[in-house]
Full PDB file with SEQRES, HELIX, SHEET, SSBOND, CRYST1, ORIGX, SCALE, CONECT and MASTER records, all heavy atoms in Angstrom:
SEQRES   1 A   38  HIS LYS ASN PRO ASP PRO GLU ASN ILE PRO CYS PHE ARG          
SEQRES   2 A   38  VAL VAL ASN SER LYS GLY GLU LEU SER GLY ALA PHE ALA          
SEQRES   3 A   38  PHE GLY GLY ALA ASN ARG GLN ALA GLU LEU LEU SER              
HELIX    1 AA1 CYS A   11  ARG A   13  5                                   3    
HELIX    2 AA2 ARG A   32  LEU A   37  1                                   6    
CRYST1    1.000    1.000    1.000  90.00  90.00  90.00 P 1           1          
ORIGX1      1.000000  0.000000  0.000000        0.00000                         
ORIGX2      0.000000  1.000000  0.000000        0.00000                         
ORIGX3      0.000000  0.000000  1.000000        0.00000                         
SCALE1      1.000000  0.000000  0.000000        0.00000                         
SCALE2      0.000000  1.000000  0.000000        0.00000                         
SCALE3      0.000000  0.000000  1.000000        0.00000                         
ATOM      1  N   HIS A   1    -136.612-154.528 -69.765  1.00  0.00           N  
ATOM      2  CA  HIS A   1    -135.458-153.767 -69.238  1.00  0.00           C  
ATOM      3  C   HIS A   1    -134.636-153.302 -70.484  1.00  0.00           C  
ATOM      4  O   HIS A   1    -133.736-152.505 -70.466  1.00  0.00           O  
ATOM      5  CB  HIS A   1    -134.544-154.735 -68.551  1.00  0.00           C  
ATOM      6  CG  HIS A   1    -135.071-154.979 -67.184  1.00  0.00           C  
ATOM      7  ND1 HIS A   1    -134.591-155.994 -66.308  1.00  0.00           N  
ATOM      8  CD2 HIS A   1    -136.036-154.405 -66.384  1.00  0.00           C  
ATOM      9  CE1 HIS A   1    -135.204-155.991 -65.186  1.00  0.00           C  
ATOM     10  NE2 HIS A   1    -136.127-154.928 -65.234  1.00  0.00           N  
ATOM     11  N   LYS A   2    -135.159-153.662 -71.784  1.00  0.00           N  
ATOM     12  CA  LYS A   2    -134.591-153.043 -73.071  1.00  0.00           C  
ATOM     13  C   LYS A   2    -135.546-152.235 -73.684  1.00  0.00           C  
ATOM     14  O   LYS A   2    -135.469-152.047 -74.851  1.00  0.00           O  
ATOM     15  CB  LYS A   2    -134.160-154.319 -73.920  1.00  0.00           C  
ATOM     16  CG  LYS A   2    -133.185-155.367 -73.343  1.00  0.00           C  
ATOM     17  CD  LYS A   2    -133.023-156.556 -74.322  1.00  0.00           C  
ATOM     18  CE  LYS A   2    -132.037-157.529 -73.675  1.00  0.00           C  
ATOM     19  NZ  LYS A   2    -131.922-158.712 -74.621  1.00  0.00           N  
ATOM     20  N   ASN A   3    -136.438-151.803 -72.864  1.00  0.00           N  
ATOM     21  CA  ASN A   3    -137.503-150.906 -73.326  1.00  0.00           C  
ATOM     22  C   ASN A   3    -136.911-149.707 -74.387  1.00  0.00           C  
ATOM     23  O   ASN A   3    -136.198-148.894 -73.977  1.00  0.00           O  
ATOM     24  CB  ASN A   3    -138.180-150.100 -72.186  1.00  0.00           C  
ATOM     25  CG  ASN A   3    -139.426-149.172 -72.653  1.00  0.00           C  
ATOM     26  OD1 ASN A   3    -139.644-149.106 -73.789  1.00  0.00           O  
ATOM     27  ND2 ASN A   3    -140.019-148.773 -71.637  1.00  0.00           N  
ATOM     28  N   PRO A   4    -137.272-149.806 -75.618  1.00  0.00           N  
ATOM     29  CA  PRO A   4    -136.770-148.791 -76.602  1.00  0.00           C  
ATOM     30  C   PRO A   4    -137.467-147.394 -76.511  1.00  0.00           C  
ATOM     31  O   PRO A   4    -136.966-146.477 -77.053  1.00  0.00           O  
ATOM     32  CB  PRO A   4    -137.073-149.506 -77.857  1.00  0.00           C  
ATOM     33  CG  PRO A   4    -138.380-150.177 -77.665  1.00  0.00           C  
ATOM     34  CD  PRO A   4    -138.280-150.727 -76.230  1.00  0.00           C  
ATOM     35  N   ASP A   5    -138.622-147.343 -75.801  1.00  0.00           N  
ATOM     36  CA  ASP A   5    -139.298-146.063 -75.838  1.00  0.00           C  
ATOM     37  C   ASP A   5    -140.032-145.838 -74.467  1.00  0.00           C  
ATOM     38  O   ASP A   5    -141.325-145.913 -74.373  1.00  0.00           O  
ATOM     39  CB  ASP A   5    -140.420-146.058 -76.917  1.00  0.00           C  
ATOM     40  CG  ASP A   5    -141.121-144.744 -77.156  1.00  0.00           C  
ATOM     41  OD1 ASP A   5    -140.683-143.811 -76.659  1.00  0.00           O  
ATOM     42  OD2 ASP A   5    -142.016-144.747 -77.848  1.00  0.00           O  
ATOM     43  N   PRO A   6    -139.185-145.594 -73.369  1.00  0.00           N  
ATOM     44  CA  PRO A   6    -139.756-145.422 -72.025  1.00  0.00           C  
ATOM     45  C   PRO A   6    -140.879-144.352 -71.944  1.00  0.00           C  
ATOM     46  O   PRO A   6    -141.800-144.529 -71.053  1.00  0.00           O  
ATOM     47  CB  PRO A   6    -138.546-145.013 -71.311  1.00  0.00           C  
ATOM     48  CG  PRO A   6    -137.415-145.499 -72.030  1.00  0.00           C  
ATOM     49  CD  PRO A   6    -137.845-145.437 -73.492  1.00  0.00           C  
ATOM     50  N   GLU A   7    -140.834-143.521 -72.734  1.00  0.00           N  
ATOM     51  CA  GLU A   7    -141.856-142.294 -72.615  1.00  0.00           C  
ATOM     52  C   GLU A   7    -143.201-142.884 -73.042  1.00  0.00           C  
ATOM     53  O   GLU A   7    -144.273-142.260 -72.543  1.00  0.00           O  
ATOM     54  CB  GLU A   7    -141.486-141.073 -73.590  1.00  0.00           C  
ATOM     55  CG  GLU A   7    -140.302-140.383 -72.905  1.00  0.00           C  
ATOM     56  CD  GLU A   7    -140.118-138.969 -73.744  1.00  0.00           C  
ATOM     57  OE1 GLU A   7    -140.912-138.698 -74.586  1.00  0.00           O  
ATOM     58  OE2 GLU A   7    -139.012-138.369 -73.566  1.00  0.00           O  
ATOM     59  N   ASN A   8    -143.315-143.862 -73.822  1.00  0.00           N  
ATOM     60  CA  ASN A   8    -144.578-144.261 -74.234  1.00  0.00           C  
ATOM     61  C   ASN A   8    -144.913-145.751 -73.974  1.00  0.00           C  
ATOM     62  O   ASN A   8    -146.039-146.164 -74.192  1.00  0.00           O  
ATOM     63  CB  ASN A   8    -144.612-144.243 -75.946  1.00  0.00           C  
ATOM     64  CG  ASN A   8    -144.566-142.738 -76.370  1.00  0.00           C  
ATOM     65  OD1 ASN A   8    -145.406-141.906 -75.977  1.00  0.00           O  
ATOM     66  ND2 ASN A   8    -143.598-142.350 -77.120  1.00  0.00           N  
ATOM     67  N   ILE A   9    -143.874-146.396 -73.427  1.00  0.00           N  
ATOM     68  CA  ILE A   9    -144.072-147.746 -72.902  1.00  0.00           C  
ATOM     69  C   ILE A   9    -143.836-147.820 -71.433  1.00  0.00           C  
ATOM     70  O   ILE A   9    -142.629-147.833 -70.980  1.00  0.00           O  
ATOM     71  CB  ILE A   9    -143.190-148.843 -73.609  1.00  0.00           C  
ATOM     72  CG1 ILE A   9    -143.328-148.655 -75.137  1.00  0.00           C  
ATOM     73  CG2 ILE A   9    -143.519-150.271 -73.284  1.00  0.00           C  
ATOM     74  CD1 ILE A   9    -142.442-149.512 -75.924  1.00  0.00           C  
ATOM     75  N   PRO A  10    -144.931-147.790 -70.650  1.00  0.00           N  
ATOM     76  CA  PRO A  10    -144.748-147.592 -69.130  1.00  0.00           C  
ATOM     77  C   PRO A  10    -144.340-148.805 -68.496  1.00  0.00           C  
ATOM     78  O   PRO A  10    -145.025-149.481 -67.605  1.00  0.00           O  
ATOM     79  CB  PRO A  10    -146.074-147.054 -68.706  1.00  0.00           C  
ATOM     80  CG  PRO A  10    -147.078-147.648 -69.663  1.00  0.00           C  
ATOM     81  CD  PRO A  10    -146.351-147.805 -70.988  1.00  0.00           C  
ATOM     82  N   CYS A  11    -143.083-149.428 -68.708  1.00  0.00           N  
ATOM     83  CA  CYS A  11    -142.715-150.585 -68.054  1.00  0.00           C  
ATOM     84  C   CYS A  11    -142.642-150.498 -66.579  1.00  0.00           C  
ATOM     85  O   CYS A  11    -142.704-151.598 -65.868  1.00  0.00           O  
ATOM     86  CB  CYS A  11    -141.363-150.979 -68.570  1.00  0.00           C  
ATOM     87  SG  CYS A  11    -141.346-151.420 -70.353  1.00  0.00           S  
ATOM     88  N   PHE A  12    -142.554-149.347 -66.062  1.00  0.00           N  
ATOM     89  CA  PHE A  12    -142.495-149.264 -64.478  1.00  0.00           C  
ATOM     90  C   PHE A  12    -143.860-149.692 -63.876  1.00  0.00           C  
ATOM     91  O   PHE A  12    -143.912-149.897 -62.648  1.00  0.00           O  
ATOM     92  CB  PHE A  12    -142.262-147.775 -64.153  1.00  0.00           C  
ATOM     93  CG  PHE A  12    -143.244-146.879 -64.528  1.00  0.00           C  
ATOM     94  CD1 PHE A  12    -144.330-146.485 -63.660  1.00  0.00           C  
ATOM     95  CD2 PHE A  12    -143.160-146.119 -65.687  1.00  0.00           C  
ATOM     96  CE1 PHE A  12    -145.218-145.552 -63.945  1.00  0.00           C  
ATOM     97  CE2 PHE A  12    -144.230-145.204 -66.023  1.00  0.00           C  
ATOM     98  CZ  PHE A  12    -145.212-145.021 -65.078  1.00  0.00           C  
ATOM     99  N   ARG A  13    -144.905-149.822 -64.638  1.00  0.00           N  
ATOM    100  CA  ARG A  13    -146.127-150.327 -64.215  1.00  0.00           C  
ATOM    101  C   ARG A  13    -146.221-151.901 -64.007  1.00  0.00           C  
ATOM    102  O   ARG A  13    -147.301-152.431 -63.645  1.00  0.00           O  
ATOM    103  CB  ARG A  13    -147.347-149.827 -64.941  1.00  0.00           C  
ATOM    104  CG  ARG A  13    -147.551-148.369 -64.996  1.00  0.00           C  
ATOM    105  CD  ARG A  13    -148.548-147.846 -65.886  1.00  0.00           C  
ATOM    106  NE  ARG A  13    -148.573-146.326 -66.046  1.00  0.00           N  
ATOM    107  CZ  ARG A  13    -149.192-145.855 -66.998  1.00  0.00           C  
ATOM    108  NH1 ARG A  13    -149.726-146.330 -68.080  1.00  0.00           N  
ATOM    109  NH2 ARG A  13    -149.292-144.382 -67.009  1.00  0.00           N  
ATOM    110  N   VAL A  14    -145.173-152.581 -64.245  1.00  0.00           N  
ATOM    111  CA  VAL A  14    -145.154-154.015 -64.256  1.00  0.00           C  
ATOM    112  C   VAL A  14    -144.395-154.442 -63.045  1.00  0.00           C  
ATOM    113  O   VAL A  14    -143.198-153.985 -62.777  1.00  0.00           O  
ATOM    114  CB  VAL A  14    -144.425-154.687 -65.533  1.00  0.00           C  
ATOM    115  CG1 VAL A  14    -144.516-156.078 -65.464  1.00  0.00           C  
ATOM    116  CG2 VAL A  14    -145.194-154.044 -66.758  1.00  0.00           C  
ATOM    117  N   VAL A  15    -144.950-155.389 -62.176  1.00  0.00           N  
ATOM    118  CA  VAL A  15    -144.417-155.884 -61.027  1.00  0.00           C  
ATOM    119  C   VAL A  15    -144.466-157.456 -61.042  1.00  0.00           C  
ATOM    120  O   VAL A  15    -145.098-157.941 -61.917  1.00  0.00           O  
ATOM    121  CB  VAL A  15    -145.059-155.331 -59.896  1.00  0.00           C  
ATOM    122  CG1 VAL A  15    -144.910-153.822 -59.708  1.00  0.00           C  
ATOM    123  CG2 VAL A  15    -146.522-155.740 -59.682  1.00  0.00           C  
ATOM    124  N   ASN A  16    -143.756-158.036 -60.095  1.00  0.00           N  
ATOM    125  CA  ASN A  16    -143.987-159.440 -60.049  1.00  0.00           C  
ATOM    126  C   ASN A  16    -145.171-159.998 -59.403  1.00  0.00           C  
ATOM    127  O   ASN A  16    -146.077-159.115 -58.910  1.00  0.00           O  
ATOM    128  CB  ASN A  16    -142.646-160.076 -59.447  1.00  0.00           C  
ATOM    129  CG  ASN A  16    -142.651-159.904 -57.860  1.00  0.00           C  
ATOM    130  OD1 ASN A  16    -143.523-159.584 -57.147  1.00  0.00           O  
ATOM    131  ND2 ASN A  16    -141.405-160.204 -57.281  1.00  0.00           N  
ATOM    132  N   SER A  17    -145.433-161.283 -59.275  1.00  0.00           N  
ATOM    133  CA  SER A  17    -146.583-161.890 -58.846  1.00  0.00           C  
ATOM    134  C   SER A  17    -146.898-161.510 -57.357  1.00  0.00           C  
ATOM    135  O   SER A  17    -148.074-161.681 -56.924  1.00  0.00           O  
ATOM    136  CB  SER A  17    -146.593-163.351 -59.094  1.00  0.00           C  
ATOM    137  OG  SER A  17    -145.537-163.899 -58.344  1.00  0.00           O  
ATOM    138  N   LYS A  18    -145.905-161.008 -56.650  1.00  0.00           N  
ATOM    139  CA  LYS A  18    -146.137-160.674 -55.201  1.00  0.00           C  
ATOM    140  C   LYS A  18    -146.344-159.219 -55.021  1.00  0.00           C  
ATOM    141  O   LYS A  18    -146.362-158.608 -53.973  1.00  0.00           O  
ATOM    142  CB  LYS A  18    -144.981-161.028 -54.439  1.00  0.00           C  
ATOM    143  CG  LYS A  18    -144.792-162.604 -54.257  1.00  0.00           C  
ATOM    144  CD  LYS A  18    -143.536-162.938 -53.581  1.00  0.00           C  
ATOM    145  CE  LYS A  18    -143.380-164.498 -53.510  1.00  0.00           C  
ATOM    146  NZ  LYS A  18    -142.042-164.803 -52.734  1.00  0.00           N  
ATOM    147  N   GLY A  19    -146.274-158.410 -56.201  1.00  0.00           N  
ATOM    148  CA  GLY A  19    -146.436-157.107 -56.152  1.00  0.00           C  
ATOM    149  C   GLY A  19    -145.062-156.263 -55.955  1.00  0.00           C  
ATOM    150  O   GLY A  19    -145.110-155.023 -55.708  1.00  0.00           O  
ATOM    151  N   GLU A  20    -143.896-157.108 -55.974  1.00  0.00           N  
ATOM    152  CA  GLU A  20    -142.580-156.517 -55.660  1.00  0.00           C  
ATOM    153  C   GLU A  20    -142.031-155.760 -56.983  1.00  0.00           C  
ATOM    154  O   GLU A  20    -142.299-156.171 -58.127  1.00  0.00           O  
ATOM    155  CB  GLU A  20    -141.629-157.579 -55.365  1.00  0.00           C  
ATOM    156  CG  GLU A  20    -141.996-158.253 -53.929  1.00  0.00           C  
ATOM    157  CD  GLU A  20    -141.264-159.501 -53.711  1.00  0.00           C  
ATOM    158  OE1 GLU A  20    -140.752-160.073 -54.612  1.00  0.00           O  
ATOM    159  OE2 GLU A  20    -141.129-159.753 -52.486  1.00  0.00           O  
ATOM    160  N   LEU A  21    -141.377-154.729 -56.759  1.00  0.00           N  
ATOM    161  CA  LEU A  21    -140.826-153.933 -57.739  1.00  0.00           C  
ATOM    162  C   LEU A  21    -139.492-154.541 -58.293  1.00  0.00           C  
ATOM    163  O   LEU A  21    -138.997-155.415 -57.753  1.00  0.00           O  
ATOM    164  CB  LEU A  21    -140.353-152.409 -57.319  1.00  0.00           C  
ATOM    165  CG  LEU A  21    -141.533-151.692 -56.622  1.00  0.00           C  
ATOM    166  CD1 LEU A  21    -141.117-150.232 -56.401  1.00  0.00           C  
ATOM    167  CD2 LEU A  21    -142.920-151.813 -57.301  1.00  0.00           C  
ATOM    168  N   SER A  22    -138.974-154.064 -59.471  1.00  0.00           N  
ATOM    169  CA  SER A  22    -137.766-154.561 -60.072  1.00  0.00           C  
ATOM    170  C   SER A  22    -136.543-154.172 -59.315  1.00  0.00           C  
ATOM    171  O   SER A  22    -136.560-153.416 -58.329  1.00  0.00           O  
ATOM    172  CB  SER A  22    -137.722-154.190 -61.525  1.00  0.00           C  
ATOM    173  OG  SER A  22    -138.906-154.665 -62.194  1.00  0.00           O  
ATOM    174  N   GLY A  23    -135.413-154.630 -59.785  1.00  0.00           N  
ATOM    175  CA  GLY A  23    -134.123-154.259 -59.165  1.00  0.00           C  
ATOM    176  C   GLY A  23    -133.903-152.719 -59.116  1.00  0.00           C  
ATOM    177  O   GLY A  23    -134.455-151.936 -59.863  1.00  0.00           O  
ATOM    178  N   ALA A  24    -132.976-152.367 -58.325  1.00  0.00           N  
ATOM    179  CA  ALA A  24    -132.794-151.006 -57.950  1.00  0.00           C  
ATOM    180  C   ALA A  24    -132.516-150.045 -59.179  1.00  0.00           C  
ATOM    181  O   ALA A  24    -133.020-148.998 -59.263  1.00  0.00           O  
ATOM    182  CB  ALA A  24    -131.538-150.824 -56.955  1.00  0.00           C  
ATOM    183  N   PHE A  25    -131.781-150.558 -60.237  1.00  0.00           N  
ATOM    184  CA  PHE A  25    -131.415-149.733 -61.252  1.00  0.00           C  
ATOM    185  C   PHE A  25    -132.006-150.081 -62.605  1.00  0.00           C  
ATOM    186  O   PHE A  25    -131.741-149.680 -63.549  1.00  0.00           O  
ATOM    187  CB  PHE A  25    -129.882-149.802 -61.544  1.00  0.00           C  
ATOM    188  CG  PHE A  25    -129.157-149.176 -60.191  1.00  0.00           C  
ATOM    189  CD1 PHE A  25    -128.699-150.105 -59.291  1.00  0.00           C  
ATOM    190  CD2 PHE A  25    -128.970-147.743 -60.116  1.00  0.00           C  
ATOM    191  CE1 PHE A  25    -128.028-149.428 -58.157  1.00  0.00           C  
ATOM    192  CE2 PHE A  25    -128.371-147.329 -58.950  1.00  0.00           C  
ATOM    193  CZ  PHE A  25    -127.921-148.168 -58.015  1.00  0.00           C  
ATOM    194  N   ALA A  26    -133.153-150.912 -62.446  1.00  0.00           N  
ATOM    195  CA  ALA A  26    -133.916-151.168 -63.730  1.00  0.00           C  
ATOM    196  C   ALA A  26    -134.455-150.189 -64.446  1.00  0.00           C  
ATOM    197  O   ALA A  26    -134.589-150.144 -65.678  1.00  0.00           O  
ATOM    198  CB  ALA A  26    -135.035-152.269 -63.356  1.00  0.00           C  
ATOM    199  N   PHE A  27    -134.676-148.968 -63.787  1.00  0.00           N  
ATOM    200  CA  PHE A  27    -135.344-147.907 -64.520  1.00  0.00           C  
ATOM    201  C   PHE A  27    -134.478-146.638 -64.384  1.00  0.00           C  
ATOM    202  O   PHE A  27    -135.130-145.473 -64.431  1.00  0.00           O  
ATOM    203  CB  PHE A  27    -136.726-147.618 -63.969  1.00  0.00           C  
ATOM    204  CG  PHE A  27    -137.628-148.853 -64.195  1.00  0.00           C  
ATOM    205  CD1 PHE A  27    -137.768-149.859 -63.283  1.00  0.00           C  
ATOM    206  CD2 PHE A  27    -138.482-148.928 -65.372  1.00  0.00           C  
ATOM    207  CE1 PHE A  27    -138.712-150.858 -63.530  1.00  0.00           C  
ATOM    208  CE2 PHE A  27    -139.292-150.084 -65.558  1.00  0.00           C  
ATOM    209  CZ  PHE A  27    -139.336-150.966 -64.663  1.00  0.00           C  
ATOM    210  N   GLY A  28    -133.244-146.719 -64.305  1.00  0.00           N  
ATOM    211  CA  GLY A  28    -132.322-145.585 -64.404  1.00  0.00           C  
ATOM    212  C   GLY A  28    -131.941-145.016 -63.038  1.00  0.00           C  
ATOM    213  O   GLY A  28    -131.337-144.049 -62.965  1.00  0.00           O  
ATOM    214  N   GLY A  29    -132.126-145.816 -61.900  1.00  0.00           N  
ATOM    215  CA  GLY A  29    -131.711-145.215 -60.698  1.00  0.00           C  
ATOM    216  C   GLY A  29    -132.433-145.984 -59.471  1.00  0.00           C  
ATOM    217  O   GLY A  29    -133.550-146.414 -59.589  1.00  0.00           O  
ATOM    218  N   ALA A  30    -131.825-145.927 -58.353  1.00  0.00           N  
ATOM    219  CA  ALA A  30    -132.359-146.484 -57.246  1.00  0.00           C  
ATOM    220  C   ALA A  30    -133.644-145.899 -56.871  1.00  0.00           C  
ATOM    221  O   ALA A  30    -133.827-144.642 -56.888  1.00  0.00           O  
ATOM    222  CB  ALA A  30    -131.417-146.372 -56.012  1.00  0.00           C  
ATOM    223  N   ASN A  31    -134.727-146.648 -56.601  1.00  0.00           N  
ATOM    224  CA  ASN A  31    -136.088-146.218 -56.306  1.00  0.00           C  
ATOM    225  C   ASN A  31    -136.827-145.478 -57.276  1.00  0.00           C  
ATOM    226  O   ASN A  31    -137.876-144.930 -57.177  1.00  0.00           O  
ATOM    227  CB  ASN A  31    -136.031-145.273 -55.022  1.00  0.00           C  
ATOM    228  CG  ASN A  31    -135.338-145.958 -53.743  1.00  0.00           C  
ATOM    229  OD1 ASN A  31    -135.705-147.085 -53.492  1.00  0.00           O  
ATOM    230  ND2 ASN A  31    -134.524-145.256 -53.084  1.00  0.00           N  
ATOM    231  N   ARG A  32    -136.254-145.552 -58.531  1.00  0.00           N  
ATOM    232  CA  ARG A  32    -136.792-144.862 -59.690  1.00  0.00           C  
ATOM    233  C   ARG A  32    -138.304-145.406 -60.010  1.00  0.00           C  
ATOM    234  O   ARG A  32    -139.203-144.584 -60.207  1.00  0.00           O  
ATOM    235  CB  ARG A  32    -136.016-144.905 -60.993  1.00  0.00           C  
ATOM    236  CG  ARG A  32    -136.610-144.097 -62.014  1.00  0.00           C  
ATOM    237  CD  ARG A  32    -136.796-142.569 -61.732  1.00  0.00           C  
ATOM    238  NE  ARG A  32    -137.311-141.869 -62.827  1.00  0.00           N  
ATOM    239  CZ  ARG A  32    -137.838-140.833 -62.945  1.00  0.00           C  
ATOM    240  NH1 ARG A  32    -138.211-140.286 -61.649  1.00  0.00           N  
ATOM    241  NH2 ARG A  32    -138.370-140.135 -63.879  1.00  0.00           N  
ATOM    242  N   GLN A  33    -138.456-146.699 -59.968  1.00  0.00           N  
ATOM    243  CA  GLN A  33    -139.710-147.264 -60.275  1.00  0.00           C  
ATOM    244  C   GLN A  33    -140.745-146.930 -59.250  1.00  0.00           C  
ATOM    245  O   GLN A  33    -141.919-146.492 -59.489  1.00  0.00           O  
ATOM    246  CB  GLN A  33    -139.660-148.814 -60.376  1.00  0.00           C  
ATOM    247  CG  GLN A  33    -141.003-149.492 -60.789  1.00  0.00           C  
ATOM    248  CD  GLN A  33    -140.785-151.027 -60.808  1.00  0.00           C  
ATOM    249  OE1 GLN A  33    -139.883-151.657 -60.466  1.00  0.00           O  
ATOM    250  NE2 GLN A  33    -141.903-151.580 -61.450  1.00  0.00           N  
ATOM    251  N   ALA A  34    -140.329-146.928 -57.967  1.00  0.00           N  
ATOM    252  CA  ALA A  34    -141.205-146.402 -56.896  1.00  0.00           C  
ATOM    253  C   ALA A  34    -141.573-145.032 -57.067  1.00  0.00           C  
ATOM    254  O   ALA A  34    -142.804-144.661 -56.848  1.00  0.00           O  
ATOM    255  CB  ALA A  34    -140.631-146.560 -55.548  1.00  0.00           C  
ATOM    256  N   GLU A  35    -140.683-144.211 -57.427  1.00  0.00           N  
ATOM    257  CA  GLU A  35    -140.928-142.706 -57.668  1.00  0.00           C  
ATOM    258  C   GLU A  35    -142.069-142.588 -58.752  1.00  0.00           C  
ATOM    259  O   GLU A  35    -142.902-141.799 -58.707  1.00  0.00           O  
ATOM    260  CB  GLU A  35    -139.735-141.936 -58.061  1.00  0.00           C  
ATOM    261  CG  GLU A  35    -138.720-141.849 -56.831  1.00  0.00           C  
ATOM    262  CD  GLU A  35    -137.349-141.254 -57.413  1.00  0.00           C  
ATOM    263  OE1 GLU A  35    -137.238-140.994 -58.577  1.00  0.00           O  
ATOM    264  OE2 GLU A  35    -136.521-141.181 -56.493  1.00  0.00           O  
ATOM    265  N   LEU A  36    -141.896-143.334 -59.974  1.00  0.00           N  
ATOM    266  CA  LEU A  36    -142.810-143.193 -61.088  1.00  0.00           C  
ATOM    267  C   LEU A  36    -144.268-143.665 -60.678  1.00  0.00           C  
ATOM    268  O   LEU A  36    -145.207-143.100 -60.988  1.00  0.00           O  
ATOM    269  CB  LEU A  36    -142.225-144.079 -62.184  1.00  0.00           C  
ATOM    270  CG  LEU A  36    -140.970-143.512 -62.907  1.00  0.00           C  
ATOM    271  CD1 LEU A  36    -140.424-144.462 -63.910  1.00  0.00           C  
ATOM    272  CD2 LEU A  36    -141.270-142.142 -63.677  1.00  0.00           C  
ATOM    273  N   LEU A  37    -144.235-144.737 -59.884  1.00  0.00           N  
ATOM    274  CA  LEU A  37    -145.516-145.312 -59.495  1.00  0.00           C  
ATOM    275  C   LEU A  37    -146.233-144.311 -58.559  1.00  0.00           C  
ATOM    276  O   LEU A  37    -147.367-144.005 -58.612  1.00  0.00           O  
ATOM    277  CB  LEU A  37    -145.324-146.662 -58.873  1.00  0.00           C  
ATOM    278  CG  LEU A  37    -145.065-147.761 -59.816  1.00  0.00           C  
ATOM    279  CD1 LEU A  37    -144.715-149.100 -59.107  1.00  0.00           C  
ATOM    280  CD2 LEU A  37    -146.222-148.127 -60.736  1.00  0.00           C  
ATOM    281  N   SER A  38    -145.440-143.840 -57.620  1.00  0.00           N  
ATOM    282  CA  SER A  38    -145.929-142.964 -56.538  1.00  0.00           C  
ATOM    283  C   SER A  38    -146.489-141.599 -57.253  1.00  0.00           C  
ATOM    284  O   SER A  38    -147.491-141.146 -56.795  1.00  0.00           O  
ATOM    285  CB  SER A  38    -144.949-142.554 -55.648  1.00  0.00           C  
ATOM    286  OG  SER A  38    -144.507-143.686 -54.827  1.00  0.00           O  
TER     287      SER A  38                                                      
MASTER        0    0    0    2    0    0    0    6  286    1    0    3          
END                                                                             
């Protein structure tokens, strides 16, 4: 969540052990991680 270089470090590709995404605003907005993965 302190990713210094989001363009080159794809943290959105990391999920928990159940496959669940991070909190709503972890990547700059609600559903942003889902959008990036999709």
